[in-house]
PDB file of N, CA and C in Angstrom:
ATOM      1  N   MET A   1      35.246  22.614  52.682  1.00  0.00           N
ATOM      2  CA  MET A   1      35.400  22.988  51.300  1.00  0.00           C
ATOM      3  C   MET A   1      34.234  22.419  50.491  1.00  0.00           C
ATOM      4  N   GLN A   2      33.560  23.262  49.732  1.00  0.00           N
ATOM      5  CA  GLN A   2      32.417  22.820  48.946  1.00  0.00           C
ATOM      6  C   GLN A   2      32.877  22.313  47.588  1.00  0.00           C
ATOM      7  N   PRO A   3      32.205  21.257  47.097  1.00  0.00           N
ATOM      8  CA  PRO A   3      32.580  20.772  45.766  1.00  0.00           C
ATOM      9  C   PRO A   3      32.188  21.776  44.686  1.00  0.00           C
ATOM     10  N   ALA A   4      32.901  21.724  43.595  1.00  0.00           N
ATOM     11  CA  ALA A   4      32.622  22.625  42.472  1.00  0.00           C
ATOM     12  C   ALA A   4      31.261  22.278  41.867  1.00  0.00           C
ATOM     13  N   PRO A   5      30.498  23.287  41.459  1.00  0.00           N
ATOM     14  CA  PRO A   5      29.189  22.996  40.852  1.00  0.00           C
ATOM     15  C   PRO A   5      29.364  22.250  39.526  1.00  0.00           C
ATOM     16  N   ASP A   6      28.429  21.364  39.272  1.00  0.00           N
ATOM     17  CA  ASP A   6      28.473  20.571  38.046  1.00  0.00           C
ATOM     18  C   ASP A   6      27.633  21.255  36.976  1.00  0.00           C
ATOM     19  N   TYR A   7      28.301  21.920  36.042  1.00  0.00           N
ATOM     20  CA  TYR A   7      27.616  22.655  34.988  1.00  0.00           C
ATOM     21  C   TYR A   7      27.320  21.798  33.761  1.00  0.00           C
ATOM     22  N   LEU A   8      27.798  20.567  33.757  1.00  0.00           N
ATOM     23  CA  LEU A   8      27.649  19.727  32.570  1.00  0.00           C
ATOM     24  C   LEU A   8      26.194  19.523  32.150  1.00  0.00           C
ATOM     25  N   PRO A   9      25.260  19.221  33.047  1.00  0.00           N
ATOM     26  CA  PRO A   9      23.856  19.095  32.607  1.00  0.00           C
ATOM     27  C   PRO A   9      23.308  20.396  32.015  1.00  0.00           C
ATOM     28  N   LEU A  10      23.701  21.529  32.557  1.00  0.00           N
ATOM     29  CA  LEU A  10      23.263  22.819  32.029  1.00  0.00           C
ATOM     30  C   LEU A  10      23.811  23.046  30.627  1.00  0.00           C
ATOM     31  N   VAL A  11      25.076  22.704  30.426  1.00  0.00           N
ATOM     32  CA  VAL A  11      25.697  22.868  29.111  1.00  0.00           C
ATOM     33  C   VAL A  11      25.031  21.946  28.091  1.00  0.00           C
ATOM     34  N   TYR A  12      24.797  20.695  28.470  1.00  0.00           N
ATOM     35  CA  TYR A  12      24.127  19.759  27.555  1.00  0.00           C
ATOM     36  C   TYR A  12      22.703  20.216  27.250  1.00  0.00           C
ATOM     37  N   GLY A  13      22.014  20.723  28.231  1.00  0.00           N
ATOM     38  CA  GLY A  13      20.658  21.228  28.003  1.00  0.00           C
ATOM     39  C   GLY A  13      20.649  22.399  27.037  1.00  0.00           C
ATOM     40  N   ALA A  14      21.579  23.329  27.228  1.00  0.00           N
ATOM     41  CA  ALA A  14      21.676  24.474  26.314  1.00  0.00           C
ATOM     42  C   ALA A  14      22.044  24.014  24.911  1.00  0.00           C
ATOM     43  N   TYR A  15      22.959  23.066  24.815  1.00  0.00           N
ATOM     44  CA  TYR A  15      23.361  22.535  23.514  1.00  0.00           C
ATOM     45  C   TYR A  15      22.178  21.857  22.819  1.00  0.00           C
ATOM     46  N   ALA A  16      21.412  21.082  23.567  1.00  0.00           N
ATOM     47  CA  ALA A  16      20.248  20.404  22.988  1.00  0.00           C
ATOM     48  C   ALA A  16      19.211  21.422  22.513  1.00  0.00           C
ATOM     49  N   ALA A  17      18.965  22.468  23.304  1.00  0.00           N
ATOM     50  CA  ALA A  17      17.985  23.486  22.918  1.00  0.00           C
ATOM     51  C   ALA A  17      18.417  24.216  21.647  1.00  0.00           C
ATOM     52  N   VAL A  18      19.673  24.596  21.577  1.00  0.00           N
ATOM     53  CA  VAL A  18      20.180  25.284  20.388  1.00  0.00           C
ATOM     54  C   VAL A  18      20.126  24.346  19.182  1.00  0.00           C
ATOM     55  N   SER A  19      20.455  23.083  19.380  1.00  0.00           N
ATOM     56  CA  SER A  19      20.416  22.118  18.281  1.00  0.00           C
ATOM     57  C   SER A  19      19.003  21.934  17.740  1.00  0.00           C
ATOM     58  N   VAL A  20      18.019  21.876  18.619  1.00  0.00           N
ATOM     59  CA  VAL A  20      16.628  21.713  18.178  1.00  0.00           C
ATOM     60  C   VAL A  20      16.176  22.938  17.391  1.00  0.00           C
ATOM     61  N   VAL A  21      16.486  24.130  17.912  1.00  0.00           N
ATOM     62  CA  VAL A  21      16.086  25.360  17.218  1.00  0.00           C
ATOM     63  C   VAL A  21      16.749  25.442  15.844  1.00  0.00           C
ATOM     64  N   LEU A  22      18.037  25.144  15.774  1.00  0.00           N
ATOM     65  CA  LEU A  22      18.740  25.191  14.487  1.00  0.00           C
ATOM     66  C   LEU A  22      18.225  24.131  13.514  1.00  0.00           C
ATOM     67  N   THR A  23      17.884  22.959  14.022  1.00  0.00           N
ATOM     68  CA  THR A  23      17.349  21.902  13.157  1.00  0.00           C
ATOM     69  C   THR A  23      16.011  22.316  12.565  1.00  0.00           C
ATOM     70  N   ILE A  24      15.145  22.887  13.383  1.00  0.00           N
ATOM     71  CA  ILE A  24      13.835  23.335  12.890  1.00  0.00           C
ATOM     72  C   ILE A  24      14.011  24.467  11.881  1.00  0.00           C
ATOM     73  N   PHE A  25      14.874  25.427  12.193  1.00  0.00           N
ATOM     74  CA  PHE A  25      15.122  26.538  11.275  1.00  0.00           C
ATOM     75  C   PHE A  25      15.664  26.035   9.935  1.00  0.00           C
ATOM     76  N   LEU A  26      16.635  25.140  10.001  1.00  0.00           N
ATOM     77  CA  LEU A  26      17.235  24.622   8.778  1.00  0.00           C
ATOM     78  C   LEU A  26      16.222  23.810   7.969  1.00  0.00           C
ATOM     79  N   ALA A  27      15.399  23.008   8.628  1.00  0.00           N
ATOM     80  CA  ALA A  27      14.391  22.217   7.911  1.00  0.00           C
ATOM     81  C   ALA A  27      13.388  23.127   7.205  1.00  0.00           C
ATOM     82  N   ARG A  28      12.960  24.187   7.881  1.00  0.00           N
ATOM     83  CA  ARG A  28      12.017  25.110   7.241  1.00  0.00           C
ATOM     84  C   ARG A  28      12.656  25.855   6.075  1.00  0.00           C
ATOM     85  N   THR A  29      13.899  26.262   6.246  1.00  0.00           N
ATOM     86  CA  THR A  29      14.601  26.955   5.167  1.00  0.00           C
ATOM     87  C   THR A  29      14.778  26.042   3.958  1.00  0.00           C
ATOM     88  N   LEU A  30      15.180  24.810   4.212  1.00  0.00           N
ATOM     89  CA  LEU A  30      15.328  23.858   3.114  1.00  0.00           C
ATOM     90  C   LEU A  30      13.993  23.559   2.454  1.00  0.00           C
ATOM     91  N   SER A  31      12.928  23.511   3.236  1.00  0.00           N
ATOM     92  CA  SER A  31      11.604  23.234   2.690  1.00  0.00           C
ATOM     93  C   SER A  31      11.144  24.357   1.768  1.00  0.00           C
ATOM     94  N   VAL A  32      11.297  25.592   2.221  1.00  0.00           N
ATOM     95  CA  VAL A  32      10.853  26.731   1.415  1.00  0.00           C
ATOM     96  C   VAL A  32      11.668  26.830   0.129  1.00  0.00           C
ATOM     97  N   ASN A  33      12.977  26.756   0.243  1.00  0.00           N
ATOM     98  CA  ASN A  33      13.830  26.888  -0.934  1.00  0.00           C
ATOM     99  C   ASN A  33      13.819  25.632  -1.799  1.00  0.00           C
ATOM    100  N   GLY A  34      13.644  24.481  -1.179  1.00  0.00           N
ATOM    101  CA  GLY A  34      13.566  23.242  -1.941  1.00  0.00           C
ATOM    102  C   GLY A  34      12.285  23.139  -2.733  1.00  0.00           C
ATOM    103  N   ARG A  35      11.223  23.767  -2.239  1.00  0.00           N
ATOM    104  CA  ARG A  35       9.940  23.743  -2.947  1.00  0.00           C
ATOM    105  C   ARG A  35      10.075  24.411  -4.316  1.00  0.00           C
ATOM    106  N   ILE A  36      10.810  25.502  -4.379  1.00  0.00           N
ATOM    107  CA  ILE A  36      11.025  26.196  -5.648  1.00  0.00           C
ATOM    108  C   ILE A  36      11.756  25.282  -6.630  1.00  0.00           C
ATOM    109  N   PHE A  37      12.761  24.591  -6.139  1.00  0.00           N
ATOM    110  CA  PHE A  37      13.500  23.652  -6.994  1.00  0.00           C
ATOM    111  C   PHE A  37      12.598  22.520  -7.462  1.00  0.00           C
ATOM    112  N   LEU A  38      11.797  21.963  -6.544  1.00  0.00           N
ATOM    113  CA  LEU A  38      10.939  20.840  -6.908  1.00  0.00           C
ATOM    114  C   LEU A  38       9.815  21.243  -7.858  1.00  0.00           C
ATOM    115  N   GLU A  39       9.389  22.504  -7.804  1.00  0.00           N
ATOM    116  CA  GLU A  39       8.398  22.973  -8.781  1.00  0.00           C
ATOM    117  C   GLU A  39       8.963  22.931 -10.197  1.00  0.00           C
ATOM    118  N   LYS A  40      10.252  23.201 -10.320  1.00  0.00           N
ATOM    119  CA  LYS A  40      10.894  23.146 -11.633  1.00  0.00           C
ATOM    120  C   LYS A  40      11.078  21.700 -12.097  1.00  0.00           C
ATOM    121  N   VAL A  41      11.334  20.813 -11.155  1.00  0.00           N
ATOM    122  CA  VAL A  41      11.553  19.406 -11.501  1.00  0.00           C
ATOM    123  C   VAL A  41      10.234  18.727 -11.867  1.00  0.00           C
ATOM    124  N   PHE A  42       9.189  18.952 -11.045  1.00  0.00           N
ATOM    125  CA  PHE A  42       7.886  18.317 -11.264  1.00  0.00           C
ATOM    126  C   PHE A  42       6.900  19.341 -11.828  1.00  0.00           C
ATOM    127  N   VAL A  43       7.157  19.801 -13.027  1.00  0.00           N
ATOM    128  CA  VAL A  43       6.336  20.834 -13.668  1.00  0.00           C
ATOM    129  C   VAL A  43       4.913  20.327 -13.896  1.00  0.00           C
ATOM    130  N   ASP A  44       4.783  19.093 -14.302  1.00  0.00           N
ATOM    131  CA  ASP A  44       3.477  18.547 -14.655  1.00  0.00           C
ATOM    132  C   ASP A  44       2.613  18.215 -13.439  1.00  0.00           C
ATOM    133  N   ASP A  45       3.236  17.919 -12.298  1.00  0.00           N
ATOM    134  CA  ASP A  45       2.476  17.474 -11.124  1.00  0.00           C
ATOM    135  C   ASP A  45       2.974  18.207  -9.876  1.00  0.00           C
ATOM    136  N   ARG A  46       2.381  19.350  -9.608  1.00  0.00           N
ATOM    137  CA  ARG A  46       2.809  20.184  -8.488  1.00  0.00           C
ATOM    138  C   ARG A  46       2.524  19.516  -7.139  1.00  0.00           C
ATOM    139  N   ASP A  47       1.409  18.775  -7.045  1.00  0.00           N
ATOM    140  CA  ASP A  47       1.075  18.085  -5.793  1.00  0.00           C
ATOM    141  C   ASP A  47       2.133  17.039  -5.446  1.00  0.00           C
ATOM    142  N   PHE A  48       2.616  16.364  -6.465  1.00  0.00           N
ATOM    143  CA  PHE A  48       3.667  15.374  -6.247  1.00  0.00           C
ATOM    144  C   PHE A  48       4.945  16.045  -5.738  1.00  0.00           C
ATOM    145  N   GLY A  49       5.284  17.186  -6.292  1.00  0.00           N
ATOM    146  CA  GLY A  49       6.451  17.941  -5.819  1.00  0.00           C
ATOM    147  C   GLY A  49       6.303  18.374  -4.372  1.00  0.00           C
ATOM    148  N   ASP A  50       5.086  18.810  -3.981  1.00  0.00           N
ATOM    149  CA  ASP A  50       4.847  19.178  -2.576  1.00  0.00           C
ATOM    150  C   ASP A  50       4.982  17.969  -1.658  1.00  0.00           C
ATOM    151  N   ALA A  51       4.486  16.817  -2.126  1.00  0.00           N
ATOM    152  CA  ALA A  51       4.591  15.598  -1.319  1.00  0.00           C
ATOM    153  C   ALA A  51       6.053  15.188  -1.129  1.00  0.00           C
ATOM    154  N   VAL A  52       6.827  15.285  -2.196  1.00  0.00           N
ATOM    155  CA  VAL A  52       8.258  14.964  -2.109  1.00  0.00           C
ATOM    156  C   VAL A  52       8.949  15.933  -1.156  1.00  0.00           C
ATOM    157  N   ASN A  53       8.594  17.196  -1.210  1.00  0.00           N
ATOM    158  CA  ASN A  53       9.183  18.198  -0.323  1.00  0.00           C
ATOM    159  C   ASN A  53       8.889  17.872   1.141  1.00  0.00           C
ATOM    160  N   ARG A  54       7.654  17.496   1.432  1.00  0.00           N
ATOM    161  CA  ARG A  54       7.297  17.130   2.816  1.00  0.00           C
ATOM    162  C   ARG A  54       8.058  15.891   3.272  1.00  0.00           C
ATOM    163  N   LEU A  55       8.194  14.928   2.371  1.00  0.00           N
ATOM    164  CA  LEU A  55       8.949  13.715   2.725  1.00  0.00           C
ATOM    165  C   LEU A  55      10.419  14.032   2.994  1.00  0.00           C
ATOM    166  N   LEU A  56      10.971  14.936   2.224  1.00  0.00           N
ATOM    167  CA  LEU A  56      12.363  15.331   2.463  1.00  0.00           C
ATOM    168  C   LEU A  56      12.527  16.015   3.819  1.00  0.00           C
ATOM    169  N   VAL A  57      11.561  16.837   4.197  1.00  0.00           N
ATOM    170  CA  VAL A  57      11.625  17.497   5.507  1.00  0.00           C
ATOM    171  C   VAL A  57      11.524  16.465   6.621  1.00  0.00           C
ATOM    172  N   VAL A  58      10.604  15.516   6.488  1.00  0.00           N
ATOM    173  CA  VAL A  58      10.479  14.458   7.499  1.00  0.00           C
ATOM    174  C   VAL A  58      11.770  13.649   7.574  1.00  0.00           C
ATOM    175  N   GLY A  59      12.335  13.337   6.413  1.00  0.00           N
ATOM    176  CA  GLY A  59      13.611  12.623   6.400  1.00  0.00           C
ATOM    177  C   GLY A  59      14.719  13.408   7.072  1.00  0.00           C
ATOM    178  N   PHE A  60      14.711  14.720   6.899  1.00  0.00           N
ATOM    179  CA  PHE A  60      15.719  15.554   7.564  1.00  0.00           C
ATOM    180  C   PHE A  60      15.567  15.488   9.080  1.00  0.00           C
ATOM    181  N   TYR A  61      14.311  15.566   9.554  1.00  0.00           N
ATOM    182  CA  TYR A  61      14.076  15.463  11.004  1.00  0.00           C
ATOM    183  C   TYR A  61      14.490  14.093  11.519  1.00  0.00           C
ATOM    184  N   LEU A  62      14.199  13.038  10.748  1.00  0.00           N
ATOM    185  CA  LEU A  62      14.575  11.693  11.183  1.00  0.00           C
ATOM    186  C   LEU A  62      16.085  11.539  11.214  1.00  0.00           C
ATOM    187  N   ALA A  63      16.819  12.131  10.248  1.00  0.00           N
ATOM    188  CA  ALA A  63      18.294  12.062  10.278  1.00  0.00           C
ATOM    189  C   ALA A  63      18.823  12.754  11.508  1.00  0.00           C
ATOM    190  N   ALA A  64      18.221  13.911  11.907  1.00  0.00           N
ATOM    191  CA  ALA A  64      18.652  14.603  13.128  1.00  0.00           C
ATOM    192  C   ALA A  64      18.338  13.741  14.351  1.00  0.00           C
ATOM    193  N   MET A  65      17.180  13.097  14.351  1.00  0.00           N
ATOM    194  CA  MET A  65      16.816  12.219  15.465  1.00  0.00           C
ATOM    195  C   MET A  65      17.760  11.023  15.540  1.00  0.00           C
ATOM    196  N   HIS A  66      18.192  10.538  14.386  1.00  0.00           N
ATOM    197  CA  HIS A  66      19.127   9.413  14.351  1.00  0.00           C
ATOM    198  C   HIS A  66      20.431   9.773  15.066  1.00  0.00           C
ATOM    199  N   PHE A  67      20.952  10.965  14.798  1.00  0.00           N
ATOM    200  CA  PHE A  67      22.194  11.376  15.454  1.00  0.00           C
ATOM    201  C   PHE A  67      21.990  11.587  16.951  1.00  0.00           C
ATOM    202  N   ALA A  68      20.831  12.078  17.352  1.00  0.00           N
ATOM    203  CA  ALA A  68      20.531  12.221  18.778  1.00  0.00           C
ATOM    204  C   ALA A  68      20.489  10.850  19.444  1.00  0.00           C
ATOM    205  N   ASN A  69      19.880   9.878  18.780  1.00  0.00           N
ATOM    206  CA  ASN A  69      19.835   8.519  19.335  1.00  0.00           C
ATOM    207  C   ASN A  69      21.226   7.925  19.453  1.00  0.00           C
ATOM    208  N   LEU A  70      22.057   8.122  18.436  1.00  0.00           N
ATOM    209  CA  LEU A  70      23.429   7.623  18.512  1.00  0.00           C
ATOM    210  C   LEU A  70      24.173   8.234  19.693  1.00  0.00           C
ATOM    211  N   TRP A  71      23.987   9.523  19.916  1.00  0.00           N
ATOM    212  CA  TRP A  71      24.648  10.200  21.029  1.00  0.00           C
ATOM    213  C   TRP A  71      24.168   9.629  22.373  1.00  0.00           C
ATOM    214  N   ILE A  72      22.855   9.431  22.504  1.00  0.00           N
ATOM    215  CA  ILE A  72      22.292   8.891  23.748  1.00  0.00           C
ATOM    216  C   ILE A  72      22.814   7.480  23.995  1.00  0.00           C
ATOM    217  N   PHE A  73      22.802   6.628  22.968  1.00  0.00           N
ATOM    218  CA  PHE A  73      23.286   5.259  23.148  1.00  0.00           C
ATOM    219  C   PHE A  73      24.770   5.231  23.480  1.00  0.00           C
ATOM    220  N   ASN A  74      25.545   6.141  22.919  1.00  0.00           N
ATOM    221  CA  ASN A  74      26.966   6.221  23.249  1.00  0.00           C
ATOM    222  C   ASN A  74      27.161   6.598  24.711  1.00  0.00           C
ATOM    223  N   ARG A  75      26.355   7.538  25.206  1.00  0.00           N
ATOM    224  CA  ARG A  75      26.453   7.928  26.626  1.00  0.00           C
ATOM    225  C   ARG A  75      26.095   6.757  27.543  1.00  0.00           C
ATOM    226  N   ILE A  76      25.067   6.013  27.166  1.00  0.00           N
ATOM    227  CA  ILE A  76      24.670   4.855  27.983  1.00  0.00           C
ATOM    228  C   ILE A  76      25.775   3.807  27.977  1.00  0.00           C
ATOM    229  N   ARG A  77      26.342   3.530  26.801  1.00  0.00           N
ATOM    230  CA  ARG A  77      27.417   2.537  26.695  1.00  0.00           C
ATOM    231  C   ARG A  77      28.651   2.968  27.484  1.00  0.00           C
ATOM    232  N   ARG A  78      28.983   4.256  27.395  1.00  0.00           N
ATOM    233  CA  ARG A  78      30.150   4.764  28.119  1.00  0.00           C
ATOM    234  C   ARG A  78      29.946   4.623  29.626  1.00  0.00           C
ATOM    235  N   GLY A  79      28.737   4.938  30.096  1.00  0.00           N
ATOM    236  CA  GLY A  79      28.449   4.798  31.524  1.00  0.00           C
ATOM    237  C   GLY A  79      28.519   3.360  31.983  1.00  0.00           C
ATOM    238  N   ALA A  80      28.024   2.435  31.160  1.00  0.00           N
ATOM    239  CA  ALA A  80      28.073   1.018  31.514  1.00  0.00           C
ATOM    240  C   ALA A  80      29.508   0.500  31.530  1.00  0.00           C
ATOM    241  N   ARG A  81      30.319   0.953  30.589  1.00  0.00           N
ATOM    242  CA  ARG A  81      31.718   0.516  30.547  1.00  0.00           C
ATOM    243  C   ARG A  81      32.503   1.078  31.727  1.00  0.00           C
ATOM    244  N   GLN A  82      32.219   2.311  32.118  1.00  0.00           N
ATOM    245  CA  GLN A  82      32.942   2.906  33.242  1.00  0.00           C
ATOM    246  C   GLN A  82      32.562   2.255  34.559  1.00  0.00           C
ATOM    247  N   ALA A  83      31.362   1.674  34.630  1.00  0.00           N
ATOM    248  CA  ALA A  83      30.930   1.026  35.866  1.00  0.00           C
ATOM    249  C   ALA A  83      31.733  -0.239  36.149  1.00  0.00           C
ATOM    250  N   VAL A  84      32.281  -0.890  35.133  1.00  0.00           N
ATOM    251  CA  VAL A  84      33.008  -2.142  35.336  1.00  0.00           C
ATOM    252  C   VAL A  84      34.521  -1.977  35.260  1.00  0.00           C
ATOM    253  N   ILE A  85      35.003  -0.802  34.924  1.00  0.00           N
ATOM    254  CA  ILE A  85      36.441  -0.561  34.847  1.00  0.00           C
ATOM    255  C   ILE A  85      36.980  -0.342  36.254  1.00  0.00           C
ATOM    256  N   PRO A  86      38.037  -1.062  36.626  1.00  0.00           N
ATOM    257  CA  PRO A  86      38.600  -0.833  37.962  1.00  0.00           C
ATOM    258  C   PRO A  86      39.258   0.538  38.047  1.00  0.00           C
ATOM    259  N   PRO A  87      39.327   1.081  39.256  1.00  0.00           N
ATOM    260  CA  PRO A  87      39.956   2.403  39.389  1.00  0.00           C
ATOM    261  C   PRO A  87      41.446   2.324  39.067  1.00  0.00           C
ATOM    262  N   PRO A  88      42.015   3.424  38.598  1.00  0.00           N
ATOM    263  CA  PRO A  88      43.445   3.405  38.276  1.00  0.00           C
ATOM    264  C   PRO A  88      44.282   3.273  39.543  1.00  0.00           C
ATOM    265  N   ILE A  89      45.404   2.584  39.431  1.00  0.00           N
ATOM    266  CA  ILE A  89      46.316   2.375  40.561  1.00  0.00           C
ATOM    267  C   ILE A  89      47.617   3.101  40.232  1.00  0.00           C
ATOM    268  N   VAL A  90      48.035   3.924  41.149  1.00  0.00           N
ATOM    269  CA  VAL A  90      49.272   4.671  40.965  1.00  0.00           C
ATOM    270  C   VAL A  90      50.429   3.796  41.403  1.00  0.00           C
ATOM    271  N   GLU A  91      51.430   3.679  40.541  1.00  0.00           N
ATOM    272  CA  GLU A  91      52.593   2.869  40.854  1.00  0.00           C
ATOM    273  C   GLU A  91      53.519   3.668  41.771  1.00  0.00           C
ATOM    274  N   HIS A  92      53.798   3.127  42.941  1.00  0.00           N
ATOM    275  CA  HIS A  92      54.648   3.826  43.921  1.00  0.00           C
ATOM    276  C   HIS A  92      56.100   3.388  43.839  1.00  0.00           C
ATOM    277  N   GLY A  93      56.338   2.264  43.306  1.00  0.00           N
ATOM    278  CA  GLY A  93      57.703   1.754  43.216  1.00  0.00           C
ATOM    279  C   GLY A  93      57.676   0.322  42.739  1.00  0.00           C
ATOM    280  N   ARG A  94      58.838  -0.253  42.609  1.00  0.00           N
ATOM    281  CA  ARG A  94      58.928  -1.630  42.156  1.00  0.00           C
ATOM    282  C   ARG A  94      59.488  -2.492  43.277  1.00  0.00           C
ATOM    283  N   LEU A  95      59.007  -3.690  43.287  1.00  0.00           N
ATOM    284  CA  LEU A  95      59.473  -4.665  44.292  1.00  0.00           C
ATOM    285  C   LEU A  95      60.603  -5.477  43.667  1.00  0.00           C
ATOM    286  N   ASP A  96      61.739  -5.445  44.301  1.00  0.00           N
ATOM    287  CA  ASP A  96      62.893  -6.198  43.809  1.00  0.00           C
ATOM    288  C   ASP A  96      62.806  -7.604  44.361  1.00  0.00           C
ATOM    289  N   LEU A  97      62.343  -8.546  43.552  1.00  0.00           N
ATOM    290  CA  LEU A  97      62.155  -9.926  43.999  1.00  0.00           C
ATOM    291  C   LEU A  97      63.467 -10.649  44.218  1.00  0.00           C
ATOM    292  N   ALA A  98      64.514 -10.289  43.500  1.00  0.00           N
ATOM    293  CA  ALA A  98      65.811 -10.939  43.671  1.00  0.00           C
ATOM    294  C   ALA A  98      66.383 -10.608  45.045  1.00  0.00           C
ATOM    295  N   ALA A  99      66.217  -9.409  45.508  1.00  0.00           N
ATOM    296  CA  ALA A  99      66.745  -9.014  46.821  1.00  0.00           C
ATOM    297  C   ALA A  99      65.890  -9.562  47.949  1.00  0.00           C
ATOM    298  N   ALA A 100      64.615  -9.793  47.702  1.00  0.00           N
ATOM    299  CA  ALA A 100      63.714 -10.275  48.743  1.00  0.00           C
ATOM    300  C   ALA A 100      63.903 -11.759  48.994  1.00  0.00           C
ATOM    301  N   GLY A 101      64.436 -12.512  48.035  1.00  0.00           N
ATOM    302  CA  GLY A 101      64.528 -13.975  48.120  1.00  0.00           C
ATOM    303  C   GLY A 101      65.737 -14.425  48.776  1.00  0.00           C
TER     304      GLY A 101
END
């Protein structure tokens, strides 16, 4: 009997790829639409508004990277904790100590 194929790495890879594409798309969309808003806020200094817009996009990418790091560290911690947990023991019955004595 062959073991079942492990699709988990494939699923995680697909999830990571979709997450990266969506993050880039969302950052660009926010940048384009946020630029219009920042032009209204920084009427006197358009260059400053563009700089703020770029910083916001970088901050958005860093926030996404932060969540990726949290996920990776959680996986590492979970693996380390599972390495030291003893295997579960199935209880088959109880030993009657009063009758044994």
